[in-house]
């Protein structure tokens, strides 16, 4: 069956175009609200524990996702941050370097009910290949930490090309009446990287919160994107459980 895509080099809607300053301001506000919502509960040691964190091999959740693996200076600095956190508060799940990533788009958020569909996968692979003919200058600037009640995250600030990719996927799916099963539908998506999952109550909640606040604006580094992946993966993006559908090299 032939597929005809909307041209990704044209604005989807001039009213909804977001430029670099608007994107950064929106993300600063989003990450600040995330931290304000988490700080009180974390001080009270009211962490949320993932039911499969201690038995990751049994996790049945799978989804179809567009992501990039962390590389270069941001990866090295995040490894330093997680080592510092682990010395301060040991016993939590620190993402291995091979699993650290940024989710650009959850086409189907990880769920126990996901059934892989090769035609569905192939459609999105073609869609992405078409998009990257026109847009190759993707980047994410990492700066500072935020947290939820379950996770420590590195804050990522994506450029307008990443935003255009997300808008294009949503617009194309709507035009073709393809269902999206996003984890956060209709929301402005961040470009954070989950770096530590809390695996038990904290030994010293005050010290954990102090560590995060000390590093709220820590410079982590910029990552120019050279490769984007379309994958079926689990909730934790474990390398050994990830199935690569397509790889898009942007060099």
C-alpha atoms as a PDB file:
ATOM      1  CA  UNK A   1       0.000   0.000   0.000  1.00  0.00           C
ATOM      2  CA  UNK A   2       1.387   3.443  -0.868  1.00  0.00           C
ATOM      3  CA  UNK A   3       1.753   5.947   1.949  1.00  0.00           C
ATOM      4  CA  UNK A   4       1.635   9.684   1.305  1.00  0.00           C
ATOM      5  CA  UNK A   5       3.146  11.841   4.018  1.00  0.00           C
ATOM      6  CA  UNK A   6       2.573  15.470   4.797  1.00  0.00           C
ATOM      7  CA  UNK A   7       5.697  17.420   3.876  1.00  0.00           C
ATOM      8  CA  UNK A   8       7.748  17.799   7.092  1.00  0.00           C
ATOM      9  CA  UNK A   9       9.600  20.883   5.887  1.00  0.00           C
ATOM     10  CA  UNK A  10       6.420  22.955   5.926  1.00  0.00           C
ATOM     11  CA  UNK A  11       5.082  24.449   9.174  1.00  0.00           C
ATOM     12  CA  UNK A  12       2.282  22.311  10.566  1.00  0.00           C
ATOM     13  CA  UNK A  13       0.555  25.342  12.000  1.00  0.00           C
ATOM     14  CA  UNK A  14       2.204  28.765  12.317  1.00  0.00           C
ATOM     15  CA  UNK A  15       0.271  29.413  15.514  1.00  0.00           C
ATOM     16  CA  UNK A  16       1.763  26.336  17.185  1.00  0.00           C
ATOM     17  CA  UNK A  17       5.371  26.711  16.028  1.00  0.00           C
ATOM     18  CA  UNK A  18       7.695  26.929  19.016  1.00  0.00           C
ATOM     19  CA  UNK A  19      11.086  28.597  18.719  1.00  0.00           C
ATOM     20  CA  UNK A  20      14.179  27.938  20.795  1.00  0.00           C
ATOM     21  CA  UNK A  21      13.472  30.493  23.532  1.00  0.00           C
ATOM     22  CA  UNK A  22       9.865  29.373  23.906  1.00  0.00           C
ATOM     23  CA  UNK A  23      10.902  25.717  24.141  1.00  0.00           C
ATOM     24  CA  UNK A  24      13.503  26.419  26.815  1.00  0.00           C
ATOM     25  CA  UNK A  25      11.160  28.605  28.874  1.00  0.00           C
ATOM     26  CA  UNK A  26       8.444  25.939  28.735  1.00  0.00           C
ATOM     27  CA  UNK A  27      10.884  23.224  29.819  1.00  0.00           C
ATOM     28  CA  UNK A  28      12.368  25.322  32.640  1.00  0.00           C
ATOM     29  CA  UNK A  29       8.850  25.785  33.979  1.00  0.00           C
ATOM     30  CA  UNK A  30       7.978  22.091  33.519  1.00  0.00           C
ATOM     31  CA  UNK A  31      11.096  20.854  35.333  1.00  0.00           C
ATOM     32  CA  UNK A  32      10.583  23.389  38.140  1.00  0.00           C
ATOM     33  CA  UNK A  33       7.027  22.201  38.694  1.00  0.00           C
ATOM     34  CA  UNK A  34       8.187  18.579  38.671  1.00  0.00           C
ATOM     35  CA  UNK A  35      10.696  19.342  41.409  1.00  0.00           C
ATOM     36  CA  UNK A  36       8.269  21.396  43.508  1.00  0.00           C
ATOM     37  CA  UNK A  37       5.747  18.535  43.332  1.00  0.00           C
ATOM     38  CA  UNK A  38       8.340  15.937  44.383  1.00  0.00           C
ATOM     39  CA  UNK A  39      10.382  17.802  47.000  1.00  0.00           C
ATOM     40  CA  UNK A  40       7.881  17.622  49.879  1.00  0.00           C
ATOM     41  CA  UNK A  41       7.059  13.918  49.475  1.00  0.00           C
ATOM     42  CA  UNK A  42      10.760  13.038  49.114  1.00  0.00           C
ATOM     43  CA  UNK A  43      11.578  14.906  52.332  1.00  0.00           C
ATOM     44  CA  UNK A  44       8.872  12.821  53.994  1.00  0.00           C
ATOM     45  CA  UNK A  45      10.343   9.672  52.405  1.00  0.00           C
ATOM     46  CA  UNK A  46       7.160   8.995  50.442  1.00  0.00           C
ATOM     47  CA  UNK A  47       8.896   7.493  47.443  1.00  0.00           C
ATOM     48  CA  UNK A  48       7.024   5.484  44.809  1.00  0.00           C
ATOM     49  CA  UNK A  49       8.590   2.118  44.005  1.00  0.00           C
ATOM     50  CA  UNK A  50       8.109   0.447  40.636  1.00  0.00           C
ATOM     51  CA  UNK A  51       6.666  -3.064  41.183  1.00  0.00           C
ATOM     52  CA  UNK A  52       9.098  -4.613  38.668  1.00  0.00           C
ATOM     53  CA  UNK A  53      12.237  -2.758  39.690  1.00  0.00           C
ATOM     54  CA  UNK A  54      13.649  -5.647  41.724  1.00  0.00           C
ATOM     55  CA  UNK A  55      12.503  -8.250  39.168  1.00  0.00           C
ATOM     56  CA  UNK A  56      13.233  -6.471  35.896  1.00  0.00           C
ATOM     57  CA  UNK A  57      13.596  -9.716  33.940  1.00  0.00           C
ATOM     58  CA  UNK A  58       9.900 -10.417  34.637  1.00  0.00           C
ATOM     59  CA  UNK A  59       8.643  -6.997  33.543  1.00  0.00           C
ATOM     60  CA  UNK A  60       5.986  -7.634  30.834  1.00  0.00           C
ATOM     61  CA  UNK A  61       5.650  -3.970  29.783  1.00  0.00           C
ATOM     62  CA  UNK A  62       6.647  -3.187  26.193  1.00  0.00           C
ATOM     63  CA  UNK A  63       6.130  -0.236  23.889  1.00  0.00           C
ATOM     64  CA  UNK A  64       7.142   1.321  20.569  1.00  0.00           C
ATOM     65  CA  UNK A  65       9.407   4.315  21.052  1.00  0.00           C
ATOM     66  CA  UNK A  66      11.600   6.806  19.193  1.00  0.00           C
ATOM     67  CA  UNK A  67      14.711   7.398  21.297  1.00  0.00           C
ATOM     68  CA  UNK A  68      18.367   8.384  21.315  1.00  0.00           C
ATOM     69  CA  UNK A  69      21.112   6.803  23.395  1.00  0.00           C
ATOM     70  CA  UNK A  70      23.233   9.086  25.544  1.00  0.00           C
ATOM     71  CA  UNK A  71      26.729   9.653  24.210  1.00  0.00           C
ATOM     72  CA  UNK A  72      29.798  11.808  24.719  1.00  0.00           C
ATOM     73  CA  UNK A  73      30.209  14.488  27.375  1.00  0.00           C
ATOM     74  CA  UNK A  74      26.624  14.256  28.760  1.00  0.00           C
ATOM     75  CA  UNK A  75      27.006  10.510  29.290  1.00  0.00           C
ATOM     76  CA  UNK A  76      30.320  10.954  31.116  1.00  0.00           C
ATOM     77  CA  UNK A  77      28.956  13.704  33.369  1.00  0.00           C
ATOM     78  CA  UNK A  78      25.779  11.762  34.171  1.00  0.00           C
ATOM     79  CA  UNK A  79      27.921   8.774  35.162  1.00  0.00           C
ATOM     80  CA  UNK A  80      29.791  11.069  37.557  1.00  0.00           C
ATOM     81  CA  UNK A  81      26.499  12.335  38.989  1.00  0.00           C
ATOM     82  CA  UNK A  82      25.104   8.832  39.550  1.00  0.00           C
ATOM     83  CA  UNK A  83      28.373   7.740  41.202  1.00  0.00           C
ATOM     84  CA  UNK A  84      28.109  10.710  43.585  1.00  0.00           C
ATOM     85  CA  UNK A  85      24.472   9.874  44.325  1.00  0.00           C
ATOM     86  CA  UNK A  86      25.304   6.214  44.919  1.00  0.00           C
ATOM     87  CA  UNK A  87      27.989   7.123  47.452  1.00  0.00           C
ATOM     88  CA  UNK A  88      25.518   9.398  49.222  1.00  0.00           C
ATOM     89  CA  UNK A  89      22.489   7.078  49.053  1.00  0.00           C
ATOM     90  CA  UNK A  90      23.436   3.518  48.004  1.00  0.00           C
ATOM     91  CA  UNK A  91      21.036   0.733  47.145  1.00  0.00           C
ATOM     92  CA  UNK A  92      19.016   2.261  44.310  1.00  0.00           C
ATOM     93  CA  UNK A  93      18.805   1.292  40.642  1.00  0.00           C
ATOM     94  CA  UNK A  94      21.398   3.254  38.677  1.00  0.00           C
ATOM     95  CA  UNK A  95      20.864   3.027  34.925  1.00  0.00           C
ATOM     96  CA  UNK A  96      23.838   1.371  33.217  1.00  0.00           C
ATOM     97  CA  UNK A  97      25.502   3.446  30.508  1.00  0.00           C
ATOM     98  CA  UNK A  98      24.069   1.152  27.801  1.00  0.00           C
ATOM     99  CA  UNK A  99      20.473   1.921  28.866  1.00  0.00           C
ATOM    100  CA  UNK A 100      20.652   5.695  29.375  1.00  0.00           C
ATOM    101  CA  UNK A 101      18.522   7.453  26.768  1.00  0.00           C
ATOM    102  CA  UNK A 102      16.157  10.276  25.904  1.00  0.00           C
ATOM    103  CA  UNK A 103      12.685   9.378  24.679  1.00  0.00           C
ATOM    104  CA  UNK A 104      11.781  11.572  21.725  1.00  0.00           C
ATOM    105  CA  UNK A 105       8.329  10.041  21.333  1.00  0.00           C
ATOM    106  CA  UNK A 106       6.356   7.152  22.802  1.00  0.00           C
ATOM    107  CA  UNK A 107       4.234   5.962  19.889  1.00  0.00           C
ATOM    108  CA  UNK A 108       2.931   3.266  22.212  1.00  0.00           C
ATOM    109  CA  UNK A 109       3.866   3.772  25.863  1.00  0.00           C
ATOM    110  CA  UNK A 110       5.151   0.631  27.589  1.00  0.00           C
ATOM    111  CA  UNK A 111       2.256  -1.577  28.672  1.00  0.00           C
ATOM    112  CA  UNK A 112       1.751  -5.236  29.539  1.00  0.00           C
ATOM    113  CA  UNK A 113      -0.834  -5.450  26.741  1.00  0.00           C
ATOM    114  CA  UNK A 114       1.319  -4.352  23.816  1.00  0.00           C
ATOM    115  CA  UNK A 115       1.212  -6.663  20.787  1.00  0.00           C
ATOM    116  CA  UNK A 116       3.921  -5.953  18.169  1.00  0.00           C
ATOM    117  CA  UNK A 117       2.581  -5.248  14.690  1.00  0.00           C
ATOM    118  CA  UNK A 118       5.136  -5.364  11.863  1.00  0.00           C
ATOM    119  CA  UNK A 119       2.984  -3.259   9.513  1.00  0.00           C
ATOM    120  CA  UNK A 120       2.545  -0.609  12.201  1.00  0.00           C
ATOM    121  CA  UNK A 121       6.301  -0.627  12.868  1.00  0.00           C
ATOM    122  CA  UNK A 122       7.078  -0.378   9.155  1.00  0.00           C
ATOM    123  CA  UNK A 123       4.730   2.592   8.726  1.00  0.00           C
ATOM    124  CA  UNK A 124       6.501   4.615  11.410  1.00  0.00           C
ATOM    125  CA  UNK A 125       9.915   3.594  10.079  1.00  0.00           C
ATOM    126  CA  UNK A 126       8.940   5.010   6.666  1.00  0.00           C
ATOM    127  CA  UNK A 127       7.498   8.121   8.273  1.00  0.00           C
ATOM    128  CA  UNK A 128      10.706   8.794  10.193  1.00  0.00           C
ATOM    129  CA  UNK A 129      12.891   8.103   7.181  1.00  0.00           C
ATOM    130  CA  UNK A 130      10.856  10.698   5.278  1.00  0.00           C
ATOM    131  CA  UNK A 131      11.176  13.251   8.093  1.00  0.00           C
ATOM    132  CA  UNK A 132      14.954  12.873   8.357  1.00  0.00           C
ATOM    133  CA  UNK A 133      15.366  13.646   4.667  1.00  0.00           C
ATOM    134  CA  UNK A 134      14.549  17.242   5.622  1.00  0.00           C
ATOM    135  CA  UNK A 135      15.555  17.550   9.305  1.00  0.00           C
ATOM    136  CA  UNK A 136      18.896  16.322  10.619  1.00  0.00           C
ATOM    137  CA  UNK A 137      20.034  19.022  13.055  1.00  0.00           C
ATOM    138  CA  UNK A 138      18.686  17.540  16.313  1.00  0.00           C
ATOM    139  CA  UNK A 139      20.290  18.333  19.661  1.00  0.00           C
ATOM    140  CA  UNK A 140      19.647  18.213  23.406  1.00  0.00           C
ATOM    141  CA  UNK A 141      21.370  20.402  26.016  1.00  0.00           C
ATOM    142  CA  UNK A 142      21.528  18.779  29.462  1.00  0.00           C
ATOM    143  CA  UNK A 143      21.557  21.069  32.459  1.00  0.00           C
ATOM    144  CA  UNK A 144      20.734  20.234  36.059  1.00  0.00           C
ATOM    145  CA  UNK A 145      18.676  17.643  37.904  1.00  0.00           C
ATOM    146  CA  UNK A 146      15.019  17.240  38.746  1.00  0.00           C
ATOM    147  CA  UNK A 147      13.075  14.376  40.287  1.00  0.00           C
ATOM    148  CA  UNK A 148       9.738  12.721  40.723  1.00  0.00           C
ATOM    149  CA  UNK A 149       8.757  10.521  43.671  1.00  0.00           C
ATOM    150  CA  UNK A 150      10.216   7.534  41.815  1.00  0.00           C
ATOM    151  CA  UNK A 151      13.084   8.806  39.699  1.00  0.00           C
ATOM    152  CA  UNK A 152      16.120  11.086  39.551  1.00  0.00           C
ATOM    153  CA  UNK A 153      16.398  12.764  36.142  1.00  0.00           C
ATOM    154  CA  UNK A 154      18.853  14.841  34.145  1.00  0.00           C
ATOM    155  CA  UNK A 155      17.061  17.828  32.636  1.00  0.00           C
ATOM    156  CA  UNK A 156      17.226  17.941  28.837  1.00  0.00           C
ATOM    157  CA  UNK A 157      16.453  20.966  26.681  1.00  0.00           C
ATOM    158  CA  UNK A 158      15.778  19.985  23.070  1.00  0.00           C
ATOM    159  CA  UNK A 159      15.986  22.225  20.043  1.00  0.00           C
ATOM    160  CA  UNK A 160      13.204  23.172  17.642  1.00  0.00           C
ATOM    161  CA  UNK A 161      14.028  20.310  15.274  1.00  0.00           C
ATOM    162  CA  UNK A 162      13.166  17.767  17.987  1.00  0.00           C
ATOM    163  CA  UNK A 163       9.960  19.673  18.698  1.00  0.00           C
ATOM    164  CA  UNK A 164       9.116  19.635  14.998  1.00  0.00           C
ATOM    165  CA  UNK A 165       9.612  15.844  14.943  1.00  0.00           C
ATOM    166  CA  UNK A 166       7.114  15.393  17.788  1.00  0.00           C
ATOM    167  CA  UNK A 167       4.588  17.727  16.185  1.00  0.00           C
ATOM    168  CA  UNK A 168       4.995  15.969  12.837  1.00  0.00           C
ATOM    169  CA  UNK A 169       4.412  12.489  14.324  1.00  0.00           C
ATOM    170  CA  UNK A 170       1.258  13.619  16.122  1.00  0.00           C
ATOM    171  CA  UNK A 171      -0.043  15.495  13.077  1.00  0.00           C
ATOM    172  CA  UNK A 172       0.672  12.620  10.696  1.00  0.00           C
ATOM    173  CA  UNK A 173      -0.936  10.033  12.964  1.00  0.00           C
ATOM    174  CA  UNK A 174      -4.031  12.210  13.297  1.00  0.00           C
ATOM    175  CA  UNK A 175      -4.222  12.765   9.530  1.00  0.00           C
ATOM    176  CA  UNK A 176      -3.989   9.027   8.847  1.00  0.00           C
ATOM    177  CA  UNK A 177      -6.260   8.149  11.806  1.00  0.00           C
ATOM    178  CA  UNK A 178      -3.497   6.039  13.340  1.00  0.00           C
ATOM    179  CA  UNK A 179      -3.945   5.605  17.065  1.00  0.00           C
ATOM    180  CA  UNK A 180      -1.165   6.864  19.327  1.00  0.00           C
ATOM    181  CA  UNK A 181      -0.929   5.326  22.787  1.00  0.00           C
ATOM    182  CA  UNK A 182       1.277   7.978  24.345  1.00  0.00           C
ATOM    183  CA  UNK A 183       2.292   7.861  27.984  1.00  0.00           C
ATOM    184  CA  UNK A 184       1.599  11.610  28.231  1.00  0.00           C
ATOM    185  CA  UNK A 185      -1.013  12.449  25.554  1.00  0.00           C
ATOM    186  CA  UNK A 186      -1.573  16.100  24.604  1.00  0.00           C
ATOM    187  CA  UNK A 187       1.276  17.269  26.837  1.00  0.00           C
ATOM    188  CA  UNK A 188       4.368  19.267  25.958  1.00  0.00           C
ATOM    189  CA  UNK A 189       7.019  16.571  26.246  1.00  0.00           C
ATOM    190  CA  UNK A 190      10.314  17.052  28.035  1.00  0.00           C
ATOM    191  CA  UNK A 191      13.661  15.586  26.945  1.00  0.00           C
ATOM    192  CA  UNK A 192      14.873  14.373  30.323  1.00  0.00           C
ATOM    193  CA  UNK A 193      16.917  11.251  30.900  1.00  0.00           C
ATOM    194  CA  UNK A 194      15.980   8.994  33.823  1.00  0.00           C
ATOM    195  CA  UNK A 195      19.265   8.173  35.569  1.00  0.00           C
ATOM    196  CA  UNK A 196      18.305   6.599  38.944  1.00  0.00           C
ATOM    197  CA  UNK A 197      15.141   4.745  40.018  1.00  0.00           C
ATOM    198  CA  UNK A 198      14.445   4.753  43.732  1.00  0.00           C
ATOM    199  CA  UNK A 199      14.404   1.176  44.956  1.00  0.00           C
ATOM    200  CA  UNK A 200      13.633   1.629  48.653  1.00  0.00           C
ATOM    201  CA  UNK A 201      12.946   4.411  51.167  1.00  0.00           C
ATOM    202  CA  UNK A 202      15.882   6.775  51.659  1.00  0.00           C
ATOM    203  CA  UNK A 203      18.308   6.389  54.540  1.00  0.00           C
ATOM    204  CA  UNK A 204      18.575  10.162  54.766  1.00  0.00           C
ATOM    205  CA  UNK A 205      15.848  12.053  52.852  1.00  0.00           C
ATOM    206  CA  UNK A 206      17.243  15.466  53.807  1.00  0.00           C
ATOM    207  CA  UNK A 207      20.601  14.617  52.291  1.00  0.00           C
ATOM    208  CA  UNK A 208      18.993  13.361  49.057  1.00  0.00           C
ATOM    209  CA  UNK A 209      16.986  16.563  48.632  1.00  0.00           C
ATOM    210  CA  UNK A 210      20.076  18.664  49.396  1.00  0.00           C
ATOM    211  CA  UNK A 211      22.013  16.756  46.724  1.00  0.00           C
ATOM    212  CA  UNK A 212      19.334  17.413  44.107  1.00  0.00           C
ATOM    213  CA  UNK A 213      19.040  21.089  45.008  1.00  0.00           C
ATOM    214  CA  UNK A 214      22.825  21.489  44.914  1.00  0.00           C
ATOM    215  CA  UNK A 215      22.787  20.104  41.360  1.00  0.00           C
ATOM    216  CA  UNK A 216      19.594  21.710  40.060  1.00  0.00           C
ATOM    217  CA  UNK A 217      21.557  23.812  37.542  1.00  0.00           C
ATOM    218  CA  UNK A 218      24.695  21.725  37.085  1.00  0.00           C
ATOM    219  CA  UNK A 219      26.205  21.873  33.610  1.00  0.00           C
ATOM    220  CA  UNK A 220      26.061  18.420  31.995  1.00  0.00           C
ATOM    221  CA  UNK A 221      26.726  19.088  28.319  1.00  0.00           C
ATOM    222  CA  UNK A 222      25.217  19.244  24.863  1.00  0.00           C
ATOM    223  CA  UNK A 223      24.559  16.218  22.677  1.00  0.00           C
ATOM    224  CA  UNK A 224      24.307  16.598  18.922  1.00  0.00           C
ATOM    225  CA  UNK A 225      22.199  13.714  17.683  1.00  0.00           C
ATOM    226  CA  UNK A 226      23.909  11.487  15.123  1.00  0.00           C
ATOM    227  CA  UNK A 227      21.585   8.489  15.407  1.00  0.00           C
ATOM    228  CA  UNK A 228      17.898   8.011  16.224  1.00  0.00           C
ATOM    229  CA  UNK A 229      16.355   4.615  16.937  1.00  0.00           C
ATOM    230  CA  UNK A 230      12.839   3.223  16.576  1.00  0.00           C
ATOM    231  CA  UNK A 231      12.631   0.392  19.103  1.00  0.00           C
ATOM    232  CA  UNK A 232      10.383  -1.968  20.982  1.00  0.00           C
ATOM    233  CA  UNK A 233      11.657  -1.849  24.545  1.00  0.00           C
ATOM    234  CA  UNK A 234      10.707  -2.354  28.162  1.00  0.00           C
ATOM    235  CA  UNK A 235      10.039   0.241  30.838  1.00  0.00           C
ATOM    236  CA  UNK A 236      13.727   0.449  31.798  1.00  0.00           C
ATOM    237  CA  UNK A 237      15.131   0.348  28.248  1.00  0.00           C
ATOM    238  CA  UNK A 238      17.269  -2.679  29.110  1.00  0.00           C
ATOM    239  CA  UNK A 239      19.704  -3.390  26.300  1.00  0.00           C
ATOM    240  CA  UNK A 240      19.196  -7.154  26.449  1.00  0.00           C
ATOM    241  CA  UNK A 241      15.414  -6.792  26.030  1.00  0.00           C
ATOM    242  CA  UNK A 242      15.399  -4.115  23.323  1.00  0.00           C
ATOM    243  CA  UNK A 243      14.367  -4.902  19.746  1.00  0.00           C
ATOM    244  CA  UNK A 244      15.576  -2.413  17.161  1.00  0.00           C
ATOM    245  CA  UNK A 245      12.970  -1.754  14.455  1.00  0.00           C
ATOM    246  CA  UNK A 246      14.990   0.841  12.517  1.00  0.00           C
ATOM    247  CA  UNK A 247      18.072   3.043  12.914  1.00  0.00           C
ATOM    248  CA  UNK A 248      18.350   6.501  11.328  1.00  0.00           C
ATOM    249  CA  UNK A 249      21.868   7.936  10.952  1.00  0.00           C
ATOM    250  CA  UNK A 250      21.957  11.711  10.656  1.00  0.00           C
ATOM    251  CA  UNK A 251      25.636  12.263   9.811  1.00  0.00           C
END
